[in-house]
């Protein structure tokens, strides 16, 4: 396991060359990649969302595409379209920008629900269907979507079924003073990811993804996960609880966290460390309790504080 730990540490440090002072956010995105999950970054503009996605792709030899979501964007602008070849008289599929290993969806909540839904099949099954024909997406496949929580004019909030497709939700936040000073010194007109070189091959990413499932999860850990999930289904507090998909995501996140920490077995701390990021966006509080993001995260932390931890 020491070799795995060395590889993931090297990947983290490489991404840290572009993203300063945010080791936990970088680790969360790596966990998402190894878990074959998608990430929703909800944050204000200018804190490094695009840089993080670019640095991850460049560090792993994965192909990268960025799609700016707007209100006039069509599903075909994302997945592609069949066009008539004048020479052969047959229709040929021209793939859209979703055909990449790492796809950054910028401002996902600016597109219409119809366009947002075009991502559902891609995120769930790593394929798209056009005119009755299915086309597999490159593997590995990961969507990193961003949205600005403070801007509501001209936006279309993601419905619960779309939110549930995201493996986790994270925020980068503003850097601390020392990290921001380093950013001012090191990054000027050039892009922060221009100096990023690959430190992990596509084959190594595949190998690590396969090893996540092999990380042992004791029955006591499974019972701990289920106890947390059960609390989110308390109708007095939550309008919507965590789905079985969310429970599976929490288990996989705990496994991936254990793997990058150099262990082939999970511990309760792995579950606690990942629970808020993996579950908070999957619950819906009663209206009278107000708010979303912070209130949801606080509700999850309250659950974690009282659910007995296995020993």
Protein backbone atom coordinates (compact mmCIF):
# COMPACT_ATOMS: atom_id res chain seq x y z
CA UNK A 1 0.00 0.00 0.00
CA UNK A 2 2.98 2.34 0.45
CA UNK A 3 3.38 2.53 -3.35
CA UNK A 4 -0.27 3.65 -3.70
CA UNK A 5 0.20 6.22 -0.96
CA UNK A 6 3.30 7.52 -2.73
CA UNK A 7 1.43 7.88 -6.06
CA UNK A 8 -1.54 9.73 -4.58
CA UNK A 9 0.71 12.00 -2.49
CA UNK A 10 2.68 12.86 -5.62
CA UNK A 11 -0.58 13.68 -7.40
CA UNK A 12 -1.76 15.89 -4.53
CA UNK A 13 1.52 17.79 -4.40
CA UNK A 14 1.50 18.31 -8.15
CA UNK A 15 -1.98 19.84 -8.07
CA UNK A 16 -0.89 21.99 -5.10
CA UNK A 17 1.53 23.72 -7.46
CA UNK A 18 -1.52 25.39 -9.00
CA UNK A 19 -3.97 25.46 -6.05
CA UNK A 20 -2.44 27.00 -2.94
CA UNK A 21 -3.56 26.36 0.64
CA UNK A 22 -6.40 23.94 -0.13
CA UNK A 23 -5.08 20.39 0.53
CA UNK A 24 -8.45 19.02 1.71
CA UNK A 25 -10.25 20.26 -1.42
CA UNK A 26 -7.57 18.70 -3.63
CA UNK A 27 -7.82 15.43 -1.71
CA UNK A 28 -11.61 15.45 -2.07
CA UNK A 29 -11.38 15.84 -5.86
CA UNK A 30 -8.84 13.00 -6.06
CA UNK A 31 -11.18 10.84 -3.97
CA UNK A 32 -13.94 11.69 -6.44
CA UNK A 33 -11.76 10.65 -9.36
CA UNK A 34 -10.74 7.34 -7.77
CA UNK A 35 -14.36 6.66 -6.80
CA UNK A 36 -15.48 7.26 -10.41
CA UNK A 37 -17.72 10.07 -9.18
CA UNK A 38 -18.61 13.59 -10.29
CA UNK A 39 -17.92 16.77 -8.33
CA UNK A 40 -20.07 19.86 -7.84
CA UNK A 41 -18.06 22.92 -6.78
CA UNK A 42 -20.33 25.57 -5.32
CA UNK A 43 -18.35 28.75 -4.82
CA UNK A 44 -17.88 32.40 -5.69
CA UNK A 45 -16.02 33.35 -8.90
CA UNK A 46 -12.24 33.59 -9.05
CA UNK A 47 -11.21 31.12 -6.33
CA UNK A 48 -9.70 28.52 -8.68
CA UNK A 49 -12.47 26.19 -9.83
CA UNK A 50 -11.23 26.02 -13.44
CA UNK A 51 -7.62 25.84 -12.28
CA UNK A 52 -8.41 22.85 -10.06
CA UNK A 53 -10.06 20.93 -12.92
CA UNK A 54 -7.24 21.76 -15.35
CA UNK A 55 -4.55 20.82 -12.83
CA UNK A 56 -6.21 17.45 -12.15
CA UNK A 57 -6.46 16.61 -15.85
CA UNK A 58 -2.90 17.73 -16.64
CA UNK A 59 -1.50 15.82 -13.65
CA UNK A 60 -3.04 12.55 -14.84
CA UNK A 61 -2.61 12.61 -18.63
CA UNK A 62 -6.39 12.81 -18.98
CA UNK A 63 -8.10 14.74 -21.76
CA UNK A 64 -9.90 17.91 -20.69
CA UNK A 65 -12.80 19.92 -22.10
CA UNK A 66 -14.57 22.98 -20.70
CA UNK A 67 -18.19 23.84 -21.46
CA UNK A 68 -19.59 27.24 -20.50
CA UNK A 69 -23.26 26.75 -19.72
CA UNK A 70 -25.58 29.55 -20.86
CA UNK A 71 -29.33 29.91 -21.18
CA UNK A 72 -29.19 29.41 -24.97
CA UNK A 73 -27.00 26.29 -24.87
CA UNK A 74 -28.63 23.25 -26.51
CA UNK A 75 -28.21 19.56 -25.61
CA UNK A 76 -26.55 18.97 -28.99
CA UNK A 77 -23.93 21.59 -28.07
CA UNK A 78 -22.86 19.22 -25.29
CA UNK A 79 -23.28 15.67 -26.54
CA UNK A 80 -22.91 16.16 -30.31
CA UNK A 81 -25.08 15.77 -33.38
CA UNK A 82 -25.51 13.59 -36.46
CA UNK A 83 -24.72 15.42 -39.68
CA UNK A 84 -25.18 14.37 -43.29
CA UNK A 85 -22.00 13.47 -45.14
CA UNK A 86 -22.61 14.92 -48.60
CA UNK A 87 -20.09 12.56 -50.18
CA UNK A 88 -21.46 9.28 -48.79
CA UNK A 89 -25.06 10.34 -48.29
CA UNK A 90 -24.99 8.91 -44.75
CA UNK A 91 -25.31 10.56 -41.36
CA UNK A 92 -22.17 10.72 -39.25
CA UNK A 93 -21.98 11.46 -35.56
CA UNK A 94 -19.90 14.50 -34.61
CA UNK A 95 -19.08 14.21 -30.94
CA UNK A 96 -19.54 17.16 -28.59
CA UNK A 97 -17.21 18.43 -25.85
CA UNK A 98 -18.59 15.94 -23.31
CA UNK A 99 -16.32 13.38 -24.99
CA UNK A 100 -13.31 13.87 -22.71
CA UNK A 101 -11.95 12.28 -19.53
CA UNK A 102 -12.43 15.38 -17.38
CA UNK A 103 -15.26 17.72 -18.37
CA UNK A 104 -15.59 21.07 -16.63
CA UNK A 105 -19.15 22.42 -16.73
CA UNK A 106 -18.90 26.09 -15.83
CA UNK A 107 -21.99 27.62 -14.21
CA UNK A 108 -24.16 24.54 -14.63
CA UNK A 109 -27.20 26.30 -13.21
CA UNK A 110 -27.25 28.84 -16.06
CA UNK A 111 -28.48 26.30 -18.61
CA UNK A 112 -32.14 25.32 -19.01
CA UNK A 113 -33.42 22.11 -17.38
CA UNK A 114 -33.56 20.45 -20.83
CA UNK A 115 -29.86 21.10 -21.37
CA UNK A 116 -28.99 20.10 -17.80
CA UNK A 117 -30.82 16.80 -18.29
CA UNK A 118 -28.62 16.03 -21.32
CA UNK A 119 -25.88 15.33 -18.79
CA UNK A 120 -27.87 12.77 -16.79
CA UNK A 121 -27.20 9.77 -19.03
CA UNK A 122 -23.55 10.77 -19.44
CA UNK A 123 -23.04 11.08 -15.68
CA UNK A 124 -24.95 7.91 -14.81
CA UNK A 125 -23.83 5.55 -17.55
CA UNK A 126 -20.76 7.17 -19.17
CA UNK A 127 -22.47 7.19 -22.56
CA UNK A 128 -24.79 9.34 -24.65
CA UNK A 129 -27.62 8.37 -26.97
CA UNK A 130 -28.27 10.26 -30.20
CA UNK A 131 -31.10 9.23 -32.55
CA UNK A 132 -31.35 5.80 -30.98
CA UNK A 133 -27.63 5.01 -31.08
CA UNK A 134 -25.45 4.88 -27.98
CA UNK A 135 -21.90 6.19 -27.91
CA UNK A 136 -19.59 5.36 -25.01
CA UNK A 137 -17.67 8.19 -23.39
CA UNK A 138 -13.92 7.98 -22.78
CA UNK A 139 -12.85 6.19 -19.61
CA UNK A 140 -12.22 7.37 -17.01
CA UNK A 141 -14.99 9.95 -17.22
CA UNK A 142 -15.53 12.70 -14.67
CA UNK A 143 -17.70 15.81 -14.62
CA UNK A 144 -16.60 18.75 -12.49
CA UNK A 145 -19.44 21.28 -12.44
CA UNK A 146 -19.42 24.74 -10.90
CA UNK A 147 -22.12 27.10 -9.77
CA UNK A 148 -22.15 30.47 -8.02
CA UNK A 149 -24.38 30.23 -4.92
CA UNK A 150 -24.79 34.00 -4.65
CA UNK A 151 -26.18 34.72 -8.11
CA UNK A 152 -29.77 33.74 -8.81
CA UNK A 153 -30.79 35.99 -11.73
CA UNK A 154 -31.06 33.96 -14.91
CA UNK A 155 -30.30 30.63 -13.23
CA UNK A 156 -32.10 27.30 -13.13
CA UNK A 157 -31.45 25.49 -9.82
CA UNK A 158 -30.46 21.85 -10.22
CA UNK A 159 -33.32 19.46 -9.40
CA UNK A 160 -32.82 16.84 -6.72
CA UNK A 161 -32.41 13.97 -9.21
CA UNK A 162 -29.54 15.83 -10.89
CA UNK A 163 -27.91 16.75 -7.58
CA UNK A 164 -28.04 13.07 -6.59
CA UNK A 165 -25.85 12.25 -9.62
CA UNK A 166 -23.00 14.25 -8.11
CA UNK A 167 -20.74 12.14 -5.94
CA UNK A 168 -19.90 15.08 -3.69
CA UNK A 169 -20.21 18.84 -3.31
CA UNK A 170 -17.24 20.91 -2.22
CA UNK A 171 -16.28 24.56 -1.81
CA UNK A 172 -12.80 25.93 -2.40
CA UNK A 173 -13.23 29.17 -0.47
CA UNK A 174 -10.85 32.10 -0.23
CA UNK A 175 -7.18 31.30 0.46
CA UNK A 176 -5.50 32.25 3.73
CA UNK A 177 -3.20 35.29 3.77
CA UNK A 178 0.07 33.40 3.21
CA UNK A 179 -1.36 31.30 0.38
CA UNK A 180 -2.82 34.36 -1.32
CA UNK A 181 0.51 36.16 -1.04
CA UNK A 182 2.19 33.18 -2.71
CA UNK A 183 -0.43 33.35 -5.47
CA UNK A 184 0.38 37.03 -6.02
CA UNK A 185 4.10 36.29 -6.22
CA UNK A 186 3.98 33.19 -8.45
CA UNK A 187 1.05 33.74 -10.80
CA UNK A 188 0.93 36.68 -13.17
CA UNK A 189 -0.22 36.83 -16.78
CA UNK A 190 0.32 33.09 -17.28
CA UNK A 191 -2.17 30.44 -16.26
CA UNK A 192 -1.55 28.60 -13.00
CA UNK A 193 -1.77 25.19 -14.70
CA UNK A 194 0.74 25.96 -17.49
CA UNK A 195 3.57 24.49 -15.40
CA UNK A 196 1.73 21.30 -14.47
CA UNK A 197 3.29 18.11 -15.85
CA UNK A 198 1.74 14.61 -15.70
CA UNK A 199 2.69 12.50 -12.68
CA UNK A 200 0.15 9.70 -13.18
CA UNK A 201 -0.76 7.81 -16.34
CA UNK A 202 -4.28 6.99 -17.47
CA UNK A 203 -3.53 3.31 -16.78
CA UNK A 204 -2.53 4.12 -13.21
CA UNK A 205 -5.80 6.00 -12.69
CA UNK A 206 -7.68 2.93 -13.95
CA UNK A 207 -5.68 0.69 -11.62
CA UNK A 208 -6.38 2.86 -8.56
CA UNK A 209 -10.08 3.05 -9.42
CA UNK A 210 -10.20 -0.74 -9.50
CA UNK A 211 -8.48 -0.97 -6.12
CA UNK A 212 -11.10 1.19 -4.37
CA UNK A 213 -13.63 -1.66 -4.49
CA UNK A 214 -11.08 -4.00 -2.88
CA UNK A 215 -10.69 -1.86 0.25
CA UNK A 216 -12.31 -3.80 3.10
CA UNK A 217 -15.41 -2.41 4.79
CA UNK A 218 -16.26 -4.14 8.07
CA UNK A 219 -19.88 -4.81 9.02
CA UNK A 220 -19.58 -2.31 11.85
CA UNK A 221 -18.63 0.38 9.31
CA UNK A 222 -21.59 -0.55 7.10
CA UNK A 223 -23.90 -0.33 10.13
CA UNK A 224 -22.40 3.08 10.96
CA UNK A 225 -23.09 4.32 7.41
CA UNK A 226 -26.66 3.01 7.55
CA UNK A 227 -27.26 4.66 10.93
CA UNK A 228 -26.21 8.02 9.44
CA UNK A 229 -28.40 7.49 6.38
CA UNK A 230 -31.38 6.55 8.54
CA UNK A 231 -31.11 9.84 10.45
CA UNK A 232 -31.37 11.80 7.20
CA UNK A 233 -34.77 10.20 6.59
CA UNK A 234 -36.30 11.70 9.72
CA UNK A 235 -39.46 13.35 8.35
CA UNK A 236 -39.54 15.84 11.22
CA UNK A 237 -36.30 17.40 10.01
CA UNK A 238 -35.86 16.47 6.35
CA UNK A 239 -38.20 16.78 3.40
CA UNK A 240 -35.91 14.47 1.43
CA UNK A 241 -33.43 11.97 2.85
CA UNK A 242 -30.37 10.32 1.35
CA UNK A 243 -31.07 7.72 -1.34
CA UNK A 244 -29.41 4.28 -1.56
CA UNK A 245 -27.20 5.85 -4.27
CA UNK A 246 -25.97 8.27 -1.62
CA UNK A 247 -25.26 5.45 0.82
CA UNK A 248 -23.18 3.66 -1.81
CA UNK A 249 -21.34 6.93 -2.54
CA UNK A 250 -20.45 7.37 1.14
CA UNK A 251 -19.12 3.83 1.31
CA UNK A 252 -16.99 4.33 -1.83
CA UNK A 253 -15.71 7.69 -0.58
CA UNK A 254 -14.63 6.07 2.69
CA UNK A 255 -12.89 3.30 0.74
CA UNK A 256 -11.09 5.79 -1.52
CA UNK A 257 -10.02 7.88 1.46
CA UNK A 258 -8.60 4.80 3.16
CA UNK A 259 -6.76 3.88 -0.04
CA UNK A 260 -5.02 7.24 -0.42
CA UNK A 261 -4.10 7.08 3.26
CA UNK A 262 -2.27 3.84 2.52
CA UNK A 263 -4.69 1.33 4.06
CA UNK A 264 -6.65 -1.57 2.57
CA UNK A 265 -9.42 -1.24 5.17
CA UNK A 266 -11.74 1.58 6.23
CA UNK A 267 -12.05 3.12 9.68
CA UNK A 268 -14.94 5.18 11.14
CA UNK A 269 -12.98 8.42 10.64
CA UNK A 270 -13.02 7.82 6.88
CA UNK A 271 -16.82 7.85 6.97
CA UNK A 272 -17.00 10.93 9.21
CA UNK A 273 -14.50 12.85 7.08
CA UNK A 274 -16.48 12.28 3.87
CA UNK A 275 -20.09 12.34 5.11
CA UNK A 276 -20.82 16.06 4.78
CA UNK A 277 -19.30 16.44 1.29
CA UNK A 278 -21.02 13.31 0.01
CA UNK A 279 -24.44 13.65 1.66
CA UNK A 280 -25.30 17.32 2.32
CA UNK A 281 -26.40 18.10 -1.25
CA UNK A 282 -28.63 15.00 -1.31
CA UNK A 283 -30.92 16.07 1.53
CA UNK A 284 -33.68 18.66 1.61
CA UNK A 285 -34.59 20.29 4.90
CA UNK A 286 -38.13 21.17 5.91
CA UNK A 287 -38.97 24.63 4.58
CA UNK A 288 -39.46 26.12 8.01
CA UNK A 289 -35.85 25.28 8.85
CA UNK A 290 -34.73 27.51 5.98
CA UNK A 291 -31.59 27.78 3.87
CA UNK A 292 -29.78 25.20 1.85
CA UNK A 293 -26.06 24.68 1.74
CA UNK A 294 -24.96 25.79 5.24
CA UNK A 295 -28.15 24.51 6.89
CA UNK A 296 -27.80 21.12 5.20
CA UNK A 297 -24.16 20.81 6.20
CA UNK A 298 -24.96 21.82 9.78
CA UNK A 299 -27.75 19.24 9.91
CA UNK A 300 -25.32 16.54 8.73
CA UNK A 301 -22.70 17.58 11.28
CA UNK A 302 -25.33 17.41 14.01
CA UNK A 303 -26.18 13.86 12.93
CA UNK A 304 -22.49 12.89 12.99
CA UNK A 305 -22.14 14.32 16.49
CA UNK A 306 -24.78 12.02 17.95
CA UNK A 307 -24.65 8.79 15.92
CA UNK A 308 -22.48 6.36 17.95
CA UNK A 309 -19.10 5.70 16.36
CA UNK A 310 -18.11 2.00 16.21
CA UNK A 311 -15.06 1.06 18.25
